[in-house]
């Protein structure tokens, strides 16, 4: 099948493109390289993909570039492109609104003309549930950050197009994805980087925030499985294990062989207190289940970051 992946140079998007190619699909990857973090990091994510005959990359900003030709003969759209992160959404609302809502609306308008479209898989987030995101897809939707508000608005846009124009929509809500290529602003990446460099590690709030953790390969498997989902469905995607911030730090200290230098700072507005995905709906409909334990996944991310640091990739790219 011909698949379009928006946000293809990102953490999860690049893994997804690789998995689709391994399955034999043709993939067109779009990315605008919005400078939320340095472009060289995203270019590094694309390195293995650029040599693949079934992969085509297009530099494209969904907010302003022409889209009709890009989506004309696409059969499946995976819409991952978004401005991520909670904290920055309080100070750059225009960026979040245009990347997460305007861009989604323009993509939806374009795919209305895609005659071969079989699925539009929209990637959302546990942040749409708010401070306590623990349960199934029937949880009340009450985001507590501008990021969550814009992601929920994008969901509503997708559903309006499904209702009005028959868009074959499937919505996926990701819960705390981690693993190799994790964005440098995300907590586990920051913790590992600080431990490897023996620098102070910042903990926001009391450290007893709880997360249900999703290893990136498990997340990608669920996303690919959604190609066979019945249009109109919404699925939580999350792992089976929860951990507090302190639990994660202890595990990473063991991997690093040293104790973390910890600096605590006040909790950030919009941070979630407890998240854990009930994925029984996904399991019943698509037979998916997570396969990677938290300890195994953290070890893989730790070794990947260590290798990147040892080869100088992060030191060069973070300065870009």
Protein backbone atom coordinates (compact mmCIF):
# COMPACT_ATOMS: atom_id res chain seq x y z
CA UNK A 1 0.00 0.00 0.00
CA UNK A 2 1.06 3.59 -0.45
CA UNK A 3 1.34 5.28 2.94
CA UNK A 4 1.85 8.92 3.84
CA UNK A 5 3.53 9.63 7.19
CA UNK A 6 3.52 13.20 8.48
CA UNK A 7 6.22 14.01 11.03
CA UNK A 8 8.38 11.33 9.40
CA UNK A 9 11.67 12.73 10.72
CA UNK A 10 10.52 12.65 14.32
CA UNK A 11 11.10 10.14 17.09
CA UNK A 12 8.10 7.88 16.46
CA UNK A 13 7.56 8.87 12.83
CA UNK A 14 10.97 7.64 11.70
CA UNK A 15 10.48 4.29 13.47
CA UNK A 16 7.04 3.97 11.87
CA UNK A 17 8.42 4.61 8.37
CA UNK A 18 11.05 1.92 8.86
CA UNK A 19 8.42 -0.57 10.05
CA UNK A 20 6.09 0.14 7.11
CA UNK A 21 8.94 -0.34 4.63
CA UNK A 22 9.86 -3.62 6.32
CA UNK A 23 6.25 -4.69 5.76
CA UNK A 24 6.63 -3.98 2.04
CA UNK A 25 4.67 -0.73 1.84
CA UNK A 26 5.61 2.33 -0.19
CA UNK A 27 6.11 5.31 2.11
CA UNK A 28 6.09 9.05 1.49
CA UNK A 29 7.43 10.87 4.53
CA UNK A 30 6.66 14.54 5.18
CA UNK A 31 8.36 16.84 7.66
CA UNK A 32 8.76 20.60 8.03
CA UNK A 33 11.70 20.49 10.48
CA UNK A 34 9.90 22.91 12.80
CA UNK A 35 12.73 24.03 15.14
CA UNK A 36 11.27 22.66 18.36
CA UNK A 37 14.61 20.87 18.62
CA UNK A 38 17.64 20.97 16.26
CA UNK A 39 17.16 19.80 12.68
CA UNK A 40 20.35 17.65 12.68
CA UNK A 41 18.69 15.33 15.21
CA UNK A 42 15.81 14.74 12.81
CA UNK A 43 18.18 14.35 9.85
CA UNK A 44 19.94 11.64 11.84
CA UNK A 45 16.59 9.88 12.32
CA UNK A 46 16.17 9.76 8.54
CA UNK A 47 19.60 8.33 7.71
CA UNK A 48 18.54 4.69 7.40
CA UNK A 49 15.41 5.63 5.46
CA UNK A 50 16.99 7.75 2.73
CA UNK A 51 18.67 4.71 1.15
CA UNK A 52 15.41 2.75 0.93
CA UNK A 53 13.93 2.47 -2.55
CA UNK A 54 10.36 2.41 -1.22
CA UNK A 55 10.83 5.61 0.80
CA UNK A 56 10.44 9.15 -0.53
CA UNK A 57 10.99 12.19 1.64
CA UNK A 58 9.28 15.52 1.02
CA UNK A 59 10.09 18.73 2.87
CA UNK A 60 6.61 20.06 3.51
CA UNK A 61 4.93 22.41 5.95
CA UNK A 62 1.31 21.33 6.34
CA UNK A 63 0.38 24.84 7.46
CA UNK A 64 1.13 26.50 4.14
CA UNK A 65 2.46 24.22 1.37
CA UNK A 66 0.32 22.68 -1.41
CA UNK A 67 -0.87 19.21 -0.40
CA UNK A 68 -3.22 17.93 -3.11
CA UNK A 69 -0.57 16.23 -5.24
CA UNK A 70 1.08 14.64 -2.20
CA UNK A 71 -2.11 12.89 -1.05
CA UNK A 72 -3.79 12.20 -4.39
CA UNK A 73 -3.02 8.46 -4.67
CA UNK A 74 -2.32 7.70 -1.00
CA UNK A 75 -4.12 4.72 0.57
CA UNK A 76 -3.24 5.25 4.24
CA UNK A 77 -2.36 8.49 6.03
CA UNK A 78 -0.55 8.36 9.38
CA UNK A 79 -0.81 11.87 10.81
CA UNK A 80 1.88 12.20 13.47
CA UNK A 81 3.10 15.73 12.74
CA UNK A 82 2.48 18.07 15.68
CA UNK A 83 4.16 20.51 18.00
CA UNK A 84 4.88 18.34 21.07
CA UNK A 85 5.46 19.05 24.73
CA UNK A 86 3.44 20.59 27.55
CA UNK A 87 5.56 23.34 29.07
CA UNK A 88 6.32 25.33 25.92
CA UNK A 89 2.67 25.36 24.87
CA UNK A 90 1.98 28.05 27.49
CA UNK A 91 4.39 30.49 25.83
CA UNK A 92 4.01 29.63 22.13
CA UNK A 93 0.31 29.11 21.66
CA UNK A 94 0.42 30.33 18.07
CA UNK A 95 2.96 27.64 17.21
CA UNK A 96 0.85 24.92 18.82
CA UNK A 97 -2.37 26.17 17.29
CA UNK A 98 -0.99 26.36 13.77
CA UNK A 99 0.99 23.09 13.90
CA UNK A 100 -1.64 21.01 15.66
CA UNK A 101 -4.94 22.47 14.47
CA UNK A 102 -4.45 24.51 11.29
CA UNK A 103 -2.09 21.92 9.80
CA UNK A 104 -4.55 19.13 10.57
CA UNK A 105 -7.43 21.05 8.98
CA UNK A 106 -5.44 21.66 5.77
CA UNK A 107 -4.45 17.99 5.58
CA UNK A 108 -8.07 16.93 6.08
CA UNK A 109 -9.21 19.25 3.31
CA UNK A 110 -6.61 17.76 0.97
CA UNK A 111 -7.44 14.11 1.66
CA UNK A 112 -11.09 14.71 0.79
CA UNK A 113 -9.85 14.50 -2.82
CA UNK A 114 -7.83 11.31 -2.27
CA UNK A 115 -9.94 8.71 -4.08
CA UNK A 116 -7.88 5.70 -2.93
CA UNK A 117 -7.82 6.59 0.77
CA UNK A 118 -8.69 3.59 2.99
CA UNK A 119 -7.60 4.84 6.43
CA UNK A 120 -6.73 8.17 8.02
CA UNK A 121 -4.90 7.34 11.25
CA UNK A 122 -4.72 10.38 13.48
CA UNK A 123 -2.21 10.25 16.32
CA UNK A 124 -3.33 11.97 19.50
CA UNK A 125 -2.15 11.87 23.10
CA UNK A 126 -3.08 10.95 26.66
CA UNK A 127 -2.94 14.70 27.37
CA UNK A 128 -6.49 15.03 26.03
CA UNK A 129 -7.67 13.28 29.23
CA UNK A 130 -6.07 15.80 31.56
CA UNK A 131 -4.33 15.49 34.93
CA UNK A 132 -5.42 11.92 35.65
CA UNK A 133 -5.36 9.82 32.49
CA UNK A 134 -5.96 6.35 33.85
CA UNK A 135 -8.58 4.16 32.24
CA UNK A 136 -10.13 3.36 28.88
CA UNK A 137 -11.23 5.52 25.97
CA UNK A 138 -14.44 6.54 27.76
CA UNK A 139 -12.56 8.77 30.22
CA UNK A 140 -13.72 12.41 30.24
CA UNK A 141 -11.71 14.66 27.94
CA UNK A 142 -10.49 17.65 29.95
CA UNK A 143 -6.96 18.70 28.97
CA UNK A 144 -5.04 20.96 31.37
CA UNK A 145 -2.46 22.43 28.96
CA UNK A 146 -2.66 24.36 25.68
CA UNK A 147 -0.91 21.38 24.07
CA UNK A 148 -3.68 19.04 25.19
CA UNK A 149 -6.34 21.53 24.11
CA UNK A 150 -4.91 21.77 20.58
CA UNK A 151 -4.56 17.99 20.27
CA UNK A 152 -8.18 17.54 21.34
CA UNK A 153 -9.25 20.22 18.87
CA UNK A 154 -7.45 18.27 16.12
CA UNK A 155 -9.33 15.13 17.14
CA UNK A 156 -12.62 16.99 16.88
CA UNK A 157 -11.70 18.28 13.42
CA UNK A 158 -10.98 14.75 12.27
CA UNK A 159 -14.30 13.50 13.62
CA UNK A 160 -16.18 16.32 11.96
CA UNK A 161 -14.67 15.31 8.61
CA UNK A 162 -15.50 11.67 9.31
CA UNK A 163 -19.12 12.60 9.99
CA UNK A 164 -19.54 15.07 7.14
CA UNK A 165 -17.42 13.50 4.40
CA UNK A 166 -16.96 9.85 5.34
CA UNK A 167 -13.30 10.12 6.32
CA UNK A 168 -12.17 6.56 7.27
CA UNK A 169 -10.79 7.78 10.58
CA UNK A 170 -8.99 5.89 13.35
CA UNK A 171 -7.72 7.86 16.38
CA UNK A 172 -4.76 6.64 18.45
CA UNK A 173 -3.89 8.15 21.83
CA UNK A 174 -0.25 7.56 22.76
CA UNK A 175 0.86 7.27 26.40
CA UNK A 176 4.46 8.28 27.35
CA UNK A 177 6.47 6.75 24.53
CA UNK A 178 10.18 6.16 25.14
CA UNK A 179 13.11 4.36 23.50
CA UNK A 180 15.90 5.04 20.99
CA UNK A 181 15.58 8.43 19.22
CA UNK A 182 13.43 9.89 21.99
CA UNK A 183 13.28 13.67 21.70
CA UNK A 184 15.99 15.49 23.68
CA UNK A 185 13.41 17.48 25.66
CA UNK A 186 11.65 14.37 27.00
CA UNK A 187 12.26 13.28 30.58
CA UNK A 188 13.99 9.95 30.11
CA UNK A 189 16.30 11.41 27.48
CA UNK A 190 17.21 14.27 29.81
CA UNK A 191 17.78 11.90 32.74
CA UNK A 192 20.06 9.60 30.74
CA UNK A 193 22.01 12.52 29.26
CA UNK A 194 22.60 13.97 32.72
CA UNK A 195 23.75 10.63 34.11
CA UNK A 196 26.12 10.00 31.19
CA UNK A 197 27.66 13.45 31.60
CA UNK A 198 27.54 13.39 35.40
CA UNK A 199 25.57 16.63 35.38
CA UNK A 200 22.66 17.72 37.59
CA UNK A 201 19.39 16.01 36.71
CA UNK A 202 16.26 18.17 37.03
CA UNK A 203 13.12 16.72 38.61
CA UNK A 204 10.00 18.87 38.34
CA UNK A 205 7.59 18.64 41.26
CA UNK A 206 7.76 15.98 43.96
CA UNK A 207 8.86 13.16 41.64
CA UNK A 208 5.89 10.97 42.49
CA UNK A 209 4.15 11.58 39.18
CA UNK A 210 3.20 8.20 37.70
CA UNK A 211 3.49 7.24 34.05
CA UNK A 212 2.38 4.21 32.10
CA UNK A 213 5.32 3.73 29.75
CA UNK A 214 5.14 2.64 26.10
CA UNK A 215 8.23 1.34 24.33
CA UNK A 216 8.51 2.80 20.84
CA UNK A 217 8.52 -0.53 18.98
CA UNK A 218 5.31 -1.57 20.75
CA UNK A 219 3.77 1.79 19.91
CA UNK A 220 4.71 1.39 16.24
CA UNK A 221 3.27 -2.14 16.09
CA UNK A 222 -0.05 -0.84 17.40
CA UNK A 223 0.02 2.02 14.90
CA UNK A 224 0.61 -0.33 11.97
CA UNK A 225 -2.13 -2.66 13.25
CA UNK A 226 -4.54 0.30 13.13
CA UNK A 227 -4.49 0.05 9.33
CA UNK A 228 -6.96 -2.84 9.81
CA UNK A 229 -9.13 -1.14 12.40
CA UNK A 230 -12.78 -0.36 11.73
CA UNK A 231 -13.18 3.33 10.80
CA UNK A 232 -14.57 5.38 13.66
CA UNK A 233 -12.59 3.62 16.38
CA UNK A 234 -10.43 5.31 19.04
CA UNK A 235 -7.68 3.38 20.82
CA UNK A 236 -5.37 4.01 23.76
CA UNK A 237 -1.80 2.83 23.15
CA UNK A 238 0.25 2.15 26.26
CA UNK A 239 2.47 -0.36 27.99
CA UNK A 240 1.65 -2.54 30.97
CA UNK A 241 3.98 -1.04 33.59
CA UNK A 242 3.72 2.15 35.61
CA UNK A 243 6.57 3.93 37.37
CA UNK A 244 7.15 7.15 39.27
CA UNK A 245 9.89 9.57 38.29
CA UNK A 246 11.95 8.29 41.22
CA UNK A 247 11.47 4.69 40.04
CA UNK A 248 12.84 5.60 36.62
CA UNK A 249 15.81 7.46 38.05
CA UNK A 250 16.74 4.47 40.23
CA UNK A 251 16.61 2.15 37.24
CA UNK A 252 18.76 4.52 35.17
CA UNK A 253 21.26 4.90 38.00
CA UNK A 254 21.73 1.14 37.93
CA UNK A 255 22.34 1.21 34.18
CA UNK A 256 24.78 4.11 34.50
CA UNK A 257 26.61 2.68 37.49
CA UNK A 258 26.46 6.01 39.33
CA UNK A 259 24.14 8.01 41.51
CA UNK A 260 22.30 10.90 39.92
CA UNK A 261 22.99 14.51 40.91
CA UNK A 262 19.43 15.69 41.45
CA UNK A 263 18.03 19.22 41.46
CA UNK A 264 14.33 19.64 42.16
CA UNK A 265 12.32 22.48 40.69
CA UNK A 266 8.65 23.44 41.04
CA UNK A 267 6.06 21.42 39.17
CA UNK A 268 5.27 22.75 35.71
CA UNK A 269 1.76 23.94 34.81
CA UNK A 270 -0.12 21.35 32.76
CA UNK A 271 1.94 18.33 33.85
CA UNK A 272 -0.10 15.18 34.27
CA UNK A 273 -0.15 13.51 37.68
CA UNK A 274 -1.07 9.94 36.81
CA UNK A 275 -1.32 8.20 33.43
CA UNK A 276 -1.93 4.58 32.59
CA UNK A 277 -3.64 3.30 29.46
CA UNK A 278 -6.35 0.68 29.59
CA UNK A 279 -5.67 -1.00 26.21
CA UNK A 280 -8.27 -3.76 26.42
CA UNK A 281 -10.24 -2.20 23.53
CA UNK A 282 -7.16 -2.34 21.29
CA UNK A 283 -6.37 -5.91 22.34
CA UNK A 284 -9.89 -7.12 21.63
CA UNK A 285 -10.14 -5.51 18.21
CA UNK A 286 -6.62 -5.90 16.82
CA UNK A 287 -4.95 -8.56 18.95
CA UNK A 288 -2.12 -6.22 19.93
CA UNK A 289 -0.19 -6.42 23.15
CA UNK A 290 3.02 -4.75 24.37
CA UNK A 291 6.08 -7.02 24.32
CA UNK A 292 8.88 -4.91 25.80
CA UNK A 293 9.35 -4.66 29.57
CA UNK A 294 10.22 -1.33 31.13
CA UNK A 295 13.66 -2.56 32.23
CA UNK A 296 14.45 -3.88 28.75
CA UNK A 297 13.22 -0.73 27.03
CA UNK A 298 15.15 1.61 29.31
CA UNK A 299 18.31 -0.42 28.76
CA UNK A 300 17.89 -0.09 24.99
CA UNK A 301 17.38 3.65 25.20
CA UNK A 302 20.33 4.02 27.57
CA UNK A 303 22.67 2.08 25.25
CA UNK A 304 21.48 4.05 22.22
CA UNK A 305 22.08 7.40 23.92
CA UNK A 306 25.46 6.26 25.19
CA UNK A 307 26.49 5.21 21.67
CA UNK A 308 25.29 8.52 20.22
CA UNK A 309 27.19 10.46 22.86
CA UNK A 310 30.34 8.35 22.44
CA UNK A 311 30.37 9.00 18.69
CA UNK A 312 29.82 12.73 19.16
CA UNK A 313 26.45 12.89 17.46
CA UNK A 314 24.58 14.55 20.32
CA UNK A 315 27.32 17.01 21.19
CA UNK A 316 27.39 18.20 17.59
CA UNK A 317 23.62 18.29 17.07
CA UNK A 318 22.67 19.90 20.35
CA UNK A 319 24.94 22.79 19.47
CA UNK A 320 23.22 23.25 16.11
